[in-house]
Amino acid sequence: MAITDWPSEERPREKLLLKGPSSLSDAELLAIFLRTGLPGVSAVEMSRRLLTDFGSLRSLLTSNQEKFCRHKGLGKAKYAQLQAVMEMANRHLSESIKRQDCLTSPEDTIAYLQCQLRDRPHEVFACVMLDNRNRVIAFREMFRGTINGASVYPREIVKQALADNAAGVILAHNHPSGVADPSQADIQITERLKKALALVDIRVLDHVIIGDETLCFSERGLI
């Protein structure tokens, strides 16, 4: 049965408009994005199959072009559309944390850092530069590394923080393994950066590690 033949309250688009996007399943949300299915297969059923093939919605959304386009019903146009949607979401989160006090809205900050760092195949070390009212000046991707780690140079971070006229910094990096527990090296580089930035009166407010879950040094008493 085609989706157009379903009761109106069960059609994904109408359900979203009536009850809001949070009421939809992953398959229903994906069906709205896909718009159409395949001959004899509704968009919702196609979405269910895709979620099974990819393993999760997250895996589908973060797949590369080759893997994405390998599936029947998906192609370069859909991939480009998906990348545009993902970038709009990132920019929305970026604007959200820039409009408000970053430290009084940790959820938005963490959500933004997750979008930026969680699904990178290699380790990235970044800084969120803050002004003297703890408002976000900029997100700076400072160093990239291998799957196991990134070399971090305090001098470069100090230079960038001074160039941004930052009064505070939130450090952030991802663990491609998915395990967010800090290593001894993570703890040591945090201490080095705190001391280096303190010499120019810039505070390190937190260090956030992004994995399958998120760990904040401030919550563990590590900073």
N, C-alpha and C. Protein backbone atom coordinates (compact mmCIF):
# COMPACT_ATOMS: atom_id res chain seq x y z
N MET A 1 0.85 -1.20 0.00
CA MET A 1 0.00 0.00 0.00
C MET A 1 0.88 1.25 0.00
N ALA A 2 0.58 2.17 -0.87
CA ALA A 2 1.34 3.42 -0.93
C ALA A 2 1.04 4.27 0.31
N ILE A 3 2.00 5.10 0.69
CA ILE A 3 1.82 5.96 1.87
C ILE A 3 0.61 6.87 1.71
N THR A 4 0.35 7.30 0.49
CA THR A 4 -0.80 8.18 0.25
C THR A 4 -2.12 7.51 0.56
N ASP A 5 -2.12 6.16 0.62
CA ASP A 5 -3.34 5.43 0.95
C ASP A 5 -3.47 5.16 2.44
N TRP A 6 -2.45 5.52 3.22
CA TRP A 6 -2.50 5.33 4.66
C TRP A 6 -3.44 6.35 5.29
N PRO A 7 -3.98 6.04 6.49
CA PRO A 7 -4.73 7.07 7.24
C PRO A 7 -3.83 8.29 7.44
N SER A 8 -4.39 9.48 7.35
CA SER A 8 -3.59 10.71 7.37
C SER A 8 -2.73 10.82 8.64
N GLU A 9 -3.26 10.33 9.79
CA GLU A 9 -2.51 10.47 11.04
C GLU A 9 -1.32 9.51 11.11
N GLU A 10 -1.23 8.56 10.16
CA GLU A 10 -0.12 7.62 10.14
C GLU A 10 0.94 7.97 9.09
N ARG A 11 0.64 8.93 8.23
CA ARG A 11 1.61 9.34 7.22
C ARG A 11 2.69 10.19 7.90
N PRO A 12 3.95 9.89 7.64
CA PRO A 12 5.04 10.59 8.34
C PRO A 12 4.95 12.11 8.28
N ARG A 13 4.68 12.68 7.11
CA ARG A 13 4.67 14.13 7.00
C ARG A 13 3.53 14.73 7.81
N GLU A 14 2.34 14.14 7.68
CA GLU A 14 1.19 14.66 8.41
C GLU A 14 1.37 14.45 9.91
N LYS A 15 1.95 13.32 10.29
CA LYS A 15 2.20 13.03 11.71
C LYS A 15 3.17 14.05 12.30
N LEU A 16 4.20 14.40 11.54
CA LEU A 16 5.15 15.41 12.00
C LEU A 16 4.47 16.75 12.22
N LEU A 17 3.64 17.15 11.27
CA LEU A 17 2.96 18.45 11.38
C LEU A 17 1.96 18.46 12.53
N LEU A 18 1.37 17.31 12.81
CA LEU A 18 0.36 17.23 13.87
C LEU A 18 0.98 17.08 15.26
N LYS A 19 2.00 16.23 15.37
CA LYS A 19 2.55 15.88 16.69
C LYS A 19 3.97 16.36 16.92
N GLY A 20 4.64 16.86 15.89
CA GLY A 20 6.02 17.30 16.03
C GLY A 20 7.01 16.23 15.62
N PRO A 21 8.25 16.63 15.27
CA PRO A 21 9.23 15.67 14.76
C PRO A 21 9.66 14.60 15.76
N SER A 22 9.60 14.92 17.06
CA SER A 22 10.04 13.94 18.06
C SER A 22 9.11 12.73 18.14
N SER A 23 7.92 12.84 17.57
CA SER A 23 6.97 11.72 17.61
C SER A 23 7.26 10.67 16.54
N LEU A 24 8.16 10.97 15.61
CA LEU A 24 8.44 10.07 14.51
C LEU A 24 9.59 9.12 14.83
N SER A 25 9.51 7.93 14.27
CA SER A 25 10.61 6.98 14.39
C SER A 25 11.73 7.38 13.44
N ASP A 26 12.90 6.73 13.59
CA ASP A 26 14.01 7.00 12.68
C ASP A 26 13.59 6.74 11.23
N ALA A 27 12.87 5.64 11.02
CA ALA A 27 12.45 5.28 9.66
C ALA A 27 11.49 6.33 9.09
N GLU A 28 10.60 6.84 9.91
CA GLU A 28 9.65 7.85 9.43
C GLU A 28 10.35 9.15 9.09
N LEU A 29 11.31 9.56 9.93
CA LEU A 29 12.07 10.77 9.63
C LEU A 29 12.86 10.61 8.33
N LEU A 30 13.49 9.46 8.17
CA LEU A 30 14.26 9.21 6.96
C LEU A 30 13.35 9.17 5.74
N ALA A 31 12.14 8.64 5.89
CA ALA A 31 11.19 8.57 4.77
C ALA A 31 10.82 9.96 4.28
N ILE A 32 10.69 10.91 5.20
CA ILE A 32 10.38 12.29 4.80
C ILE A 32 11.54 12.87 4.00
N PHE A 33 12.76 12.55 4.42
CA PHE A 33 13.93 13.02 3.69
C PHE A 33 13.99 12.39 2.30
N LEU A 34 13.73 11.08 2.20
CA LEU A 34 13.80 10.38 0.92
C LEU A 34 12.69 10.79 -0.03
N ARG A 35 11.51 11.07 0.52
CA ARG A 35 10.33 11.51 -0.22
C ARG A 35 9.65 10.37 -0.98
N THR A 36 10.42 9.56 -1.69
CA THR A 36 9.83 8.47 -2.46
C THR A 36 10.56 7.16 -2.16
N GLY A 37 9.88 6.06 -2.39
CA GLY A 37 10.50 4.77 -2.21
C GLY A 37 10.90 4.16 -3.54
N LEU A 38 10.73 2.87 -3.67
CA LEU A 38 11.02 2.15 -4.90
C LEU A 38 9.73 1.50 -5.41
N PRO A 39 9.69 1.06 -6.66
CA PRO A 39 8.47 0.40 -7.15
C PRO A 39 8.04 -0.74 -6.23
N GLY A 40 6.83 -0.63 -5.70
CA GLY A 40 6.30 -1.64 -4.81
C GLY A 40 6.79 -1.55 -3.38
N VAL A 41 7.66 -0.55 -3.08
CA VAL A 41 8.21 -0.39 -1.73
C VAL A 41 8.01 1.06 -1.30
N SER A 42 7.29 1.27 -0.20
CA SER A 42 7.04 2.63 0.28
C SER A 42 8.32 3.26 0.82
N ALA A 43 8.31 4.57 0.96
CA ALA A 43 9.48 5.28 1.49
C ALA A 43 9.79 4.83 2.91
N VAL A 44 8.76 4.52 3.69
CA VAL A 44 8.98 4.07 5.07
C VAL A 44 9.63 2.69 5.08
N GLU A 45 9.13 1.78 4.24
CA GLU A 45 9.70 0.43 4.18
C GLU A 45 11.14 0.50 3.66
N MET A 46 11.38 1.34 2.66
CA MET A 46 12.74 1.52 2.15
C MET A 46 13.66 2.05 3.25
N SER A 47 13.13 2.97 4.04
CA SER A 47 13.92 3.53 5.15
C SER A 47 14.26 2.46 6.17
N ARG A 48 13.32 1.60 6.48
CA ARG A 48 13.58 0.51 7.44
C ARG A 48 14.70 -0.40 6.92
N ARG A 49 14.65 -0.70 5.63
CA ARG A 49 15.68 -1.57 5.04
C ARG A 49 17.05 -0.90 5.09
N LEU A 50 17.07 0.39 4.79
CA LEU A 50 18.33 1.13 4.82
C LEU A 50 18.92 1.17 6.23
N LEU A 51 18.06 1.39 7.22
CA LEU A 51 18.54 1.42 8.60
C LEU A 51 19.10 0.07 9.03
N THR A 52 18.48 -0.99 8.54
CA THR A 52 18.99 -2.33 8.83
C THR A 52 20.34 -2.54 8.15
N ASP A 53 20.45 -2.12 6.89
CA ASP A 53 21.70 -2.30 6.13
C ASP A 53 22.84 -1.49 6.75
N PHE A 54 22.56 -0.25 7.14
CA PHE A 54 23.61 0.61 7.68
C PHE A 54 23.87 0.34 9.16
N GLY A 55 22.89 -0.22 9.84
CA GLY A 55 23.05 -0.53 11.26
C GLY A 55 22.44 0.49 12.19
N SER A 56 22.35 1.74 11.76
CA SER A 56 21.76 2.79 12.59
C SER A 56 21.57 4.04 11.74
N LEU A 57 20.77 4.96 12.25
CA LEU A 57 20.57 6.23 11.55
C LEU A 57 21.87 7.02 11.51
N ARG A 58 22.62 6.99 12.61
CA ARG A 58 23.88 7.71 12.67
C ARG A 58 24.86 7.21 11.62
N SER A 59 24.95 5.88 11.46
CA SER A 59 25.85 5.31 10.46
C SER A 59 25.46 5.73 9.05
N LEU A 60 24.17 5.81 8.80
CA LEU A 60 23.71 6.25 7.48
C LEU A 60 24.07 7.72 7.25
N LEU A 61 23.80 8.57 8.25
CA LEU A 61 24.03 10.00 8.10
C LEU A 61 25.50 10.35 7.94
N THR A 62 26.38 9.52 8.50
CA THR A 62 27.81 9.84 8.46
C THR A 62 28.58 8.98 7.46
N SER A 63 27.86 8.21 6.64
CA SER A 63 28.55 7.36 5.66
C SER A 63 29.17 8.22 4.55
N ASN A 64 30.21 7.70 3.92
CA ASN A 64 30.82 8.44 2.82
C ASN A 64 30.00 8.25 1.54
N GLN A 65 30.35 9.01 0.52
CA GLN A 65 29.57 9.02 -0.71
C GLN A 65 29.52 7.63 -1.37
N GLU A 66 30.65 6.96 -1.39
CA GLU A 66 30.69 5.65 -2.05
C GLU A 66 29.76 4.65 -1.37
N LYS A 67 29.82 4.59 -0.06
CA LYS A 67 28.96 3.64 0.68
C LYS A 67 27.50 4.05 0.57
N PHE A 68 27.21 5.34 0.64
CA PHE A 68 25.83 5.83 0.57
C PHE A 68 25.21 5.48 -0.78
N CYS A 69 25.92 5.79 -1.86
CA CYS A 69 25.37 5.63 -3.20
C CYS A 69 25.32 4.17 -3.67
N ARG A 70 25.93 3.29 -2.88
CA ARG A 70 25.93 1.87 -3.22
C ARG A 70 24.54 1.26 -3.08
N HIS A 71 23.65 1.92 -2.34
CA HIS A 71 22.33 1.36 -2.04
C HIS A 71 21.29 1.80 -3.08
N LYS A 72 20.47 0.90 -3.46
CA LYS A 72 19.44 1.17 -4.46
C LYS A 72 18.48 2.25 -3.95
N GLY A 73 18.23 3.21 -4.80
CA GLY A 73 17.34 4.31 -4.42
C GLY A 73 18.07 5.53 -3.90
N LEU A 74 19.38 5.37 -3.66
CA LEU A 74 20.21 6.49 -3.22
C LEU A 74 21.22 6.81 -4.33
N GLY A 75 21.58 8.07 -4.41
CA GLY A 75 22.53 8.47 -5.44
C GLY A 75 23.21 9.77 -5.06
N LYS A 76 23.92 10.36 -6.01
CA LYS A 76 24.68 11.57 -5.73
C LYS A 76 23.78 12.74 -5.31
N ALA A 77 22.61 12.84 -5.94
CA ALA A 77 21.71 13.94 -5.61
C ALA A 77 21.23 13.83 -4.17
N LYS A 78 20.86 12.62 -3.75
CA LYS A 78 20.42 12.41 -2.37
C LYS A 78 21.58 12.64 -1.40
N TYR A 79 22.78 12.20 -1.79
CA TYR A 79 23.94 12.40 -0.93
C TYR A 79 24.23 13.89 -0.75
N ALA A 80 24.17 14.65 -1.84
CA ALA A 80 24.39 16.10 -1.76
C ALA A 80 23.33 16.75 -0.88
N GLN A 81 22.10 16.30 -1.03
CA GLN A 81 21.00 16.83 -0.21
C GLN A 81 21.24 16.55 1.28
N LEU A 82 21.70 15.33 1.58
CA LEU A 82 21.97 14.95 2.96
C LEU A 82 23.10 15.80 3.54
N GLN A 83 24.17 16.00 2.78
CA GLN A 83 25.28 16.81 3.26
C GLN A 83 24.84 18.25 3.54
N ALA A 84 23.95 18.76 2.70
CA ALA A 84 23.43 20.12 2.93
C ALA A 84 22.62 20.19 4.22
N VAL A 85 21.80 19.17 4.47
CA VAL A 85 21.01 19.12 5.71
C VAL A 85 21.92 19.05 6.93
N MET A 86 22.95 18.21 6.85
CA MET A 86 23.87 18.07 7.98
C MET A 86 24.62 19.37 8.24
N GLU A 87 25.03 20.05 7.18
CA GLU A 87 25.75 21.31 7.35
C GLU A 87 24.85 22.39 7.93
N MET A 88 23.57 22.42 7.50
CA MET A 88 22.63 23.39 8.08
C MET A 88 22.45 23.14 9.57
N ALA A 89 22.39 21.86 9.97
CA ALA A 89 22.26 21.53 11.39
C ALA A 89 23.48 22.01 12.17
N ASN A 90 24.67 21.79 11.60
CA ASN A 90 25.91 22.24 12.26
C ASN A 90 25.93 23.76 12.41
N ARG A 91 25.51 24.45 11.35
CA ARG A 91 25.53 25.91 11.40
C ARG A 91 24.49 26.45 12.37
N HIS A 92 23.36 25.77 12.45
CA HIS A 92 22.33 26.17 13.42
C HIS A 92 22.86 26.05 14.84
N LEU A 93 23.52 24.93 15.14
CA LEU A 93 24.09 24.75 16.48
C LEU A 93 25.18 25.78 16.76
N SER A 94 25.99 26.06 15.74
CA SER A 94 27.05 27.05 15.90
C SER A 94 26.48 28.42 16.23
N GLU A 95 25.43 28.81 15.50
CA GLU A 95 24.79 30.10 15.77
C GLU A 95 24.13 30.11 17.14
N SER A 96 23.58 28.97 17.54
CA SER A 96 22.90 28.90 18.84
C SER A 96 23.86 29.16 19.98
N ILE A 97 25.07 28.54 19.94
CA ILE A 97 25.99 28.73 21.05
C ILE A 97 26.65 30.10 21.00
N LYS A 98 26.67 30.73 19.82
CA LYS A 98 27.25 32.08 19.73
C LYS A 98 26.27 33.14 20.23
N ARG A 99 24.98 32.80 20.29
CA ARG A 99 23.99 33.78 20.71
C ARG A 99 23.82 33.82 22.22
N GLN A 100 24.43 32.88 22.93
CA GLN A 100 24.16 32.81 24.35
C GLN A 100 25.44 32.51 25.13
N ASP A 101 25.31 32.58 26.42
CA ASP A 101 26.44 32.27 27.30
C ASP A 101 26.73 30.78 27.21
N CYS A 102 27.89 30.46 26.66
CA CYS A 102 28.25 29.05 26.43
C CYS A 102 28.20 28.23 27.71
N LEU A 103 28.67 28.81 28.81
CA LEU A 103 28.79 28.02 30.03
C LEU A 103 27.46 27.78 30.73
N THR A 104 26.46 28.59 30.44
CA THR A 104 25.16 28.34 31.03
C THR A 104 24.29 27.48 30.11
N SER A 105 24.84 27.07 28.99
CA SER A 105 24.12 26.17 28.10
C SER A 105 25.05 25.05 27.64
N PRO A 106 25.50 24.20 28.56
CA PRO A 106 26.44 23.14 28.20
C PRO A 106 25.86 22.14 27.21
N GLU A 107 24.54 21.95 27.24
CA GLU A 107 23.92 20.99 26.32
C GLU A 107 24.15 21.40 24.87
N ASP A 108 23.93 22.71 24.56
CA ASP A 108 24.14 23.18 23.19
C ASP A 108 25.61 23.07 22.80
N THR A 109 26.49 23.42 23.73
CA THR A 109 27.93 23.35 23.44
C THR A 109 28.35 21.92 23.14
N ILE A 110 27.92 20.98 23.98
CA ILE A 110 28.28 19.57 23.78
C ILE A 110 27.67 19.04 22.49
N ALA A 111 26.41 19.42 22.22
CA ALA A 111 25.77 18.96 20.98
C ALA A 111 26.54 19.47 19.76
N TYR A 112 26.99 20.71 19.83
CA TYR A 112 27.77 21.26 18.72
C TYR A 112 29.10 20.53 18.56
N LEU A 113 29.80 20.29 19.66
CA LEU A 113 31.08 19.60 19.60
C LEU A 113 30.91 18.16 19.10
N GLN A 114 29.81 17.53 19.49
CA GLN A 114 29.54 16.17 19.00
C GLN A 114 29.36 16.17 17.48
N CYS A 115 28.60 17.15 16.97
CA CYS A 115 28.40 17.23 15.52
C CYS A 115 29.71 17.48 14.79
N GLN A 116 30.57 18.28 15.41
CA GLN A 116 31.83 18.62 14.77
C GLN A 116 32.86 17.49 14.83
N LEU A 117 32.86 16.70 15.91
CA LEU A 117 33.99 15.82 16.16
C LEU A 117 33.68 14.33 16.26
N ARG A 118 32.46 13.97 16.58
CA ARG A 118 32.19 12.58 16.98
C ARG A 118 32.51 11.55 15.90
N ASP A 119 32.21 11.86 14.65
CA ASP A 119 32.33 10.85 13.61
C ASP A 119 33.57 11.03 12.73
N ARG A 120 34.56 11.78 13.21
CA ARG A 120 35.81 11.90 12.46
C ARG A 120 36.58 10.58 12.53
N PRO A 121 37.16 10.14 11.44
CA PRO A 121 37.91 8.87 11.46
C PRO A 121 39.28 9.01 12.10
N HIS A 122 39.73 10.26 12.32
CA HIS A 122 41.02 10.52 12.94
C HIS A 122 40.80 11.47 14.11
N GLU A 123 41.80 11.58 14.98
CA GLU A 123 41.65 12.46 16.13
C GLU A 123 41.86 13.92 15.72
N VAL A 124 40.99 14.77 16.23
CA VAL A 124 41.07 16.21 15.99
C VAL A 124 41.08 16.92 17.33
N PHE A 125 41.99 17.86 17.49
CA PHE A 125 42.05 18.68 18.71
C PHE A 125 41.58 20.07 18.34
N ALA A 126 40.59 20.58 19.08
CA ALA A 126 39.98 21.86 18.76
C ALA A 126 39.83 22.73 20.00
N CYS A 127 39.57 23.99 19.78
CA CYS A 127 39.35 24.94 20.87
C CYS A 127 38.12 25.78 20.59
N VAL A 128 37.31 26.00 21.61
CA VAL A 128 36.22 26.97 21.54
C VAL A 128 36.72 28.22 22.25
N MET A 129 36.89 29.30 21.50
CA MET A 129 37.40 30.55 22.05
C MET A 129 36.24 31.38 22.61
N LEU A 130 36.44 31.89 23.83
CA LEU A 130 35.38 32.63 24.53
C LEU A 130 35.85 34.04 24.87
N ASP A 131 34.89 34.98 24.90
CA ASP A 131 35.24 36.34 25.33
C ASP A 131 35.13 36.43 26.85
N ASN A 132 35.27 37.63 27.39
CA ASN A 132 35.29 37.77 28.86
C ASN A 132 33.93 37.60 29.50
N ARG A 133 32.88 37.42 28.69
CA ARG A 133 31.55 37.11 29.21
C ARG A 133 31.17 35.66 28.89
N ASN A 134 32.17 34.89 28.52
CA ASN A 134 31.99 33.47 28.21
C ASN A 134 31.10 33.23 26.99
N ARG A 135 31.05 34.20 26.09
CA ARG A 135 30.34 34.01 24.83
C ARG A 135 31.33 33.48 23.79
N VAL A 136 30.81 32.68 22.87
CA VAL A 136 31.68 32.03 21.90
C VAL A 136 32.15 33.02 20.84
N ILE A 137 33.46 33.07 20.66
CA ILE A 137 34.07 33.87 19.59
C ILE A 137 34.20 33.02 18.33
N ALA A 138 34.76 31.83 18.50
CA ALA A 138 35.00 30.97 17.34
C ALA A 138 35.30 29.55 17.77
N PHE A 139 35.04 28.60 16.87
CA PHE A 139 35.47 27.21 17.02
C PHE A 139 36.69 27.05 16.13
N ARG A 140 37.80 26.63 16.71
CA ARG A 140 39.05 26.50 15.96
C ARG A 140 39.52 25.05 15.97
N GLU A 141 39.61 24.45 14.79
CA GLU A 141 40.19 23.12 14.66
C GLU A 141 41.70 23.32 14.57
N MET A 142 42.42 22.88 15.59
CA MET A 142 43.83 23.21 15.71
C MET A 142 44.77 22.14 15.14
N PHE A 143 44.50 20.87 15.46
CA PHE A 143 45.43 19.81 15.04
C PHE A 143 44.67 18.56 14.64
N ARG A 144 45.20 17.86 13.64
CA ARG A 144 44.66 16.57 13.21
C ARG A 144 45.72 15.50 13.40
N GLY A 145 45.26 14.28 13.65
CA GLY A 145 46.21 13.20 13.85
C GLY A 145 45.76 11.92 13.20
N THR A 146 46.27 10.82 13.70
CA THR A 146 45.90 9.50 13.22
C THR A 146 44.71 9.02 14.04
N ILE A 147 44.35 7.78 13.85
CA ILE A 147 43.24 7.21 14.63
C ILE A 147 43.60 7.13 16.11
N ASN A 148 44.89 7.14 16.43
CA ASN A 148 45.31 6.97 17.82
C ASN A 148 45.61 8.27 18.55
N GLY A 149 45.78 9.37 17.84
CA GLY A 149 46.10 10.59 18.56
C GLY A 149 46.54 11.72 17.64
N ALA A 150 46.58 12.92 18.20
CA ALA A 150 47.01 14.11 17.48
C ALA A 150 48.06 14.82 18.31
N SER A 151 49.11 15.28 17.65
CA SER A 151 50.13 16.07 18.34
C SER A 151 49.58 17.46 18.62
N VAL A 152 49.77 17.94 19.85
CA VAL A 152 49.22 19.23 20.26
C VAL A 152 50.38 20.14 20.67
N TYR A 153 50.41 21.34 20.13
CA TYR A 153 51.49 22.28 20.40
C TYR A 153 50.92 23.50 21.13
N PRO A 154 51.19 23.61 22.44
CA PRO A 154 50.64 24.72 23.24
C PRO A 154 50.92 26.10 22.63
N ARG A 155 52.10 26.29 22.07
CA ARG A 155 52.47 27.59 21.50
C ARG A 155 51.47 28.02 20.42
N GLU A 156 51.04 27.08 19.58
CA GLU A 156 50.10 27.42 18.51
C GLU A 156 48.73 27.78 19.07
N ILE A 157 48.32 27.10 20.13
CA ILE A 157 47.03 27.42 20.74
C ILE A 157 47.08 28.78 21.41
N VAL A 158 48.18 29.10 22.08
CA VAL A 158 48.33 30.42 22.69
C VAL A 158 48.28 31.50 21.62
N LYS A 159 48.97 31.29 20.51
CA LYS A 159 48.97 32.26 19.41
C LYS A 159 47.56 32.50 18.88
N GLN A 160 46.81 31.41 18.68
CA GLN A 160 45.46 31.54 18.13
C GLN A 160 44.52 32.21 19.13
N ALA A 161 44.65 31.87 20.41
CA ALA A 161 43.80 32.48 21.44
C ALA A 161 44.06 33.98 21.53
N LEU A 162 45.32 34.39 21.42
CA LEU A 162 45.64 35.81 21.44
C LEU A 162 45.11 36.51 20.19
N ALA A 163 45.23 35.85 19.05
CA ALA A 163 44.72 36.43 17.80
C ALA A 163 43.21 36.63 17.86
N ASP A 164 42.52 35.71 18.56
CA ASP A 164 41.06 35.82 18.70
C ASP A 164 40.65 36.74 19.84
N ASN A 165 41.65 37.24 20.57
CA ASN A 165 41.38 38.08 21.75
C ASN A 165 40.50 37.34 22.75
N ALA A 166 40.81 36.06 22.95
CA ALA A 166 40.01 35.22 23.84
C ALA A 166 40.38 35.47 25.30
N ALA A 167 39.37 35.39 26.15
CA ALA A 167 39.60 35.46 27.60
C ALA A 167 39.53 34.08 28.23
N GLY A 168 38.91 33.16 27.52
CA GLY A 168 38.78 31.79 28.01
C GLY A 168 38.77 30.81 26.85
N VAL A 169 39.03 29.56 27.14
CA VAL A 169 39.08 28.52 26.11
C VAL A 169 38.46 27.24 26.65
N ILE A 170 37.66 26.59 25.81
CA ILE A 170 37.22 25.22 26.08
C ILE A 170 37.98 24.32 25.11
N LEU A 171 38.74 23.39 25.65
CA LEU A 171 39.48 22.44 24.83
C LEU A 171 38.55 21.27 24.47
N ALA A 172 38.77 20.69 23.31
CA ALA A 172 37.93 19.55 22.90
C ALA A 172 38.70 18.67 21.93
N HIS A 173 38.52 17.38 22.06
CA HIS A 173 39.04 16.47 21.05
C HIS A 173 38.21 15.20 21.04
N ASN A 174 38.33 14.46 19.97
CA ASN A 174 37.55 13.23 19.83
C ASN A 174 38.43 12.00 20.02
N HIS A 175 37.79 10.91 20.40
CA HIS A 175 38.44 9.60 20.46
C HIS A 175 37.74 8.72 19.42
N PRO A 176 38.36 8.49 18.25
CA PRO A 176 37.71 7.67 17.22
C PRO A 176 37.34 6.28 17.69
N SER A 177 38.00 5.79 18.73
CA SER A 177 37.67 4.47 19.27
C SER A 177 36.28 4.45 19.89
N GLY A 178 35.76 5.63 20.22
CA GLY A 178 34.45 5.72 20.86
C GLY A 178 34.51 5.78 22.37
N VAL A 179 35.66 5.41 22.95
CA VAL A 179 35.83 5.43 24.41
C VAL A 179 36.27 6.82 24.84
N ALA A 180 35.46 7.47 25.67
CA ALA A 180 35.72 8.86 26.02
C ALA A 180 36.61 9.06 27.25
N ASP A 181 37.02 7.97 27.88
CA ASP A 181 37.86 8.11 29.08
C ASP A 181 39.17 8.81 28.74
N PRO A 182 39.61 9.76 29.58
CA PRO A 182 40.85 10.49 29.29
C PRO A 182 42.09 9.62 29.52
N SER A 183 43.04 9.74 28.63
CA SER A 183 44.32 9.05 28.82
C SER A 183 45.22 9.91 29.69
N GLN A 184 46.32 9.35 30.13
CA GLN A 184 47.28 10.13 30.90
C GLN A 184 47.82 11.27 30.06
N ALA A 185 47.99 11.03 28.75
CA ALA A 185 48.46 12.09 27.85
C ALA A 185 47.44 13.23 27.76
N ASP A 186 46.14 12.89 27.77
CA ASP A 186 45.10 13.92 27.75
C ASP A 186 45.19 14.81 28.99
N ILE A 187 45.39 14.18 30.13
CA ILE A 187 45.47 14.93 31.39
C ILE A 187 46.72 15.81 31.40
N GLN A 188 47.82 15.26 30.91
CA GLN A 188 49.07 16.02 30.91
C GLN A 188 49.02 17.22 29.98
N ILE A 189 48.46 17.04 28.77
CA ILE A 189 48.41 18.17 27.83
C ILE A 189 47.45 19.24 28.33
N THR A 190 46.42 18.83 29.05
CA THR A 190 45.51 19.82 29.63
C THR A 190 46.23 20.69 30.64
N GLU A 191 47.05 20.07 31.48
CA GLU A 191 47.81 20.83 32.47
C GLU A 191 48.82 21.77 31.78
N ARG A 192 49.48 21.28 30.74
CA ARG A 192 50.43 22.13 30.01
C ARG A 192 49.73 23.33 29.38
N LEU A 193 48.55 23.09 28.81
CA LEU A 193 47.82 24.18 28.17
C LEU A 193 47.30 25.18 29.20
N LYS A 194 46.85 24.67 30.33
CA LYS A 194 46.41 25.58 31.40
C LYS A 194 47.53 26.51 31.82
N LYS A 195 48.72 25.97 32.01
CA LYS A 195 49.86 26.78 32.44
C LYS A 195 50.29 27.76 31.35
N ALA A 196 50.34 27.30 30.10
CA ALA A 196 50.76 28.16 28.99
C ALA A 196 49.79 29.31 28.78
N LEU A 197 48.49 29.01 28.84
CA LEU A 197 47.49 30.06 28.63
C LEU A 197 47.39 31.00 29.82
N ALA A 198 47.64 30.48 31.02
CA ALA A 198 47.59 31.33 32.22
C ALA A 198 48.65 32.43 32.16
N LEU A 199 49.76 32.17 31.47
CA LEU A 199 50.82 33.17 31.35
C LEU A 199 50.36 34.41 30.59
N VAL A 200 49.31 34.25 29.76
CA VAL A 200 48.78 35.40 29.03
C VAL A 200 47.34 35.71 29.49
N ASP A 201 47.04 35.29 30.73
CA ASP A 201 45.75 35.59 31.37
C ASP A 201 44.54 35.05 30.61
N ILE A 202 44.67 33.86 30.07
CA ILE A 202 43.55 33.18 29.41
C ILE A 202 43.24 31.91 30.19
N ARG A 203 41.98 31.74 30.56
CA ARG A 203 41.58 30.60 31.38
C ARG A 203 41.17 29.40 30.52
N VAL A 204 41.52 28.21 30.97
CA VAL A 204 40.98 26.99 30.38
C VAL A 204 39.79 26.57 31.23
N LEU A 205 38.60 26.64 30.65
CA LEU A 205 37.38 26.40 31.42
C LEU A 205 36.98 24.93 31.46
N ASP A 206 37.35 24.19 30.43
CA ASP A 206 36.99 22.77 30.42
C ASP A 206 37.75 22.08 29.29
N HIS A 207 37.76 20.77 29.35
CA HIS A 207 38.28 19.95 28.26
C HIS A 207 37.23 18.87 28.03
N VAL A 208 36.70 18.81 26.82
CA VAL A 208 35.62 17.90 26.47
C VAL A 208 36.15 16.83 25.53
N ILE A 209 35.92 15.57 25.89
CA ILE A 209 36.31 14.45 25.03
C ILE A 209 35.04 13.86 24.42
N ILE A 210 35.04 13.77 23.08
CA ILE A 210 33.89 13.27 22.36
C ILE A 210 34.17 11.84 21.90
N GLY A 211 33.35 10.91 22.35
CA GLY A 211 33.41 9.52 21.87
C GLY A 211 31.98 9.09 21.60
N ASP A 212 31.68 7.83 21.85
CA ASP A 212 30.28 7.40 21.77
C ASP A 212 29.47 8.12 22.84
N GLU A 213 30.14 8.46 23.94
CA GLU A 213 29.58 9.33 24.96
C GLU A 213 30.50 10.54 25.09
N THR A 214 30.15 11.46 25.95
CA THR A 214 30.94 12.69 26.12
C THR A 214 31.43 12.79 27.55
N LEU A 215 32.70 13.17 27.70
CA LEU A 215 33.28 13.35 29.03
C LEU A 215 33.80 14.77 29.15
N CYS A 216 33.43 15.44 30.25
CA CYS A 216 33.93 16.78 30.55
C CYS A 216 34.89 16.69 31.74
N PHE A 217 36.08 17.24 31.57
CA PHE A 217 37.04 17.24 32.67
C PHE A 217 36.48 17.90 33.92
N SER A 218 35.68 18.95 33.71
CA SER A 218 35.13 19.69 34.86
C SER A 218 34.24 18.81 35.72
N GLU A 219 33.51 17.89 35.08
CA GLU A 219 32.61 17.01 35.83
C GLU A 219 33.39 15.92 36.57
N ARG A 220 34.60 15.61 36.10
CA ARG A 220 35.43 14.58 36.75
C ARG A 220 36.40 15.18 37.75
N GLY A 221 36.37 16.51 37.90
CA GLY A 221 37.31 17.16 38.82
C GLY A 221 38.74 17.12 38.31
N LEU A 222 38.90 17.10 36.98
CA LEU A 222 40.24 17.00 36.38
C LEU A 222 40.76 18.36 35.93
N ILE A 223 40.02 19.42 36.16
CA ILE A 223 40.46 20.73 35.70
C ILE A 223 40.10 21.80 36.73
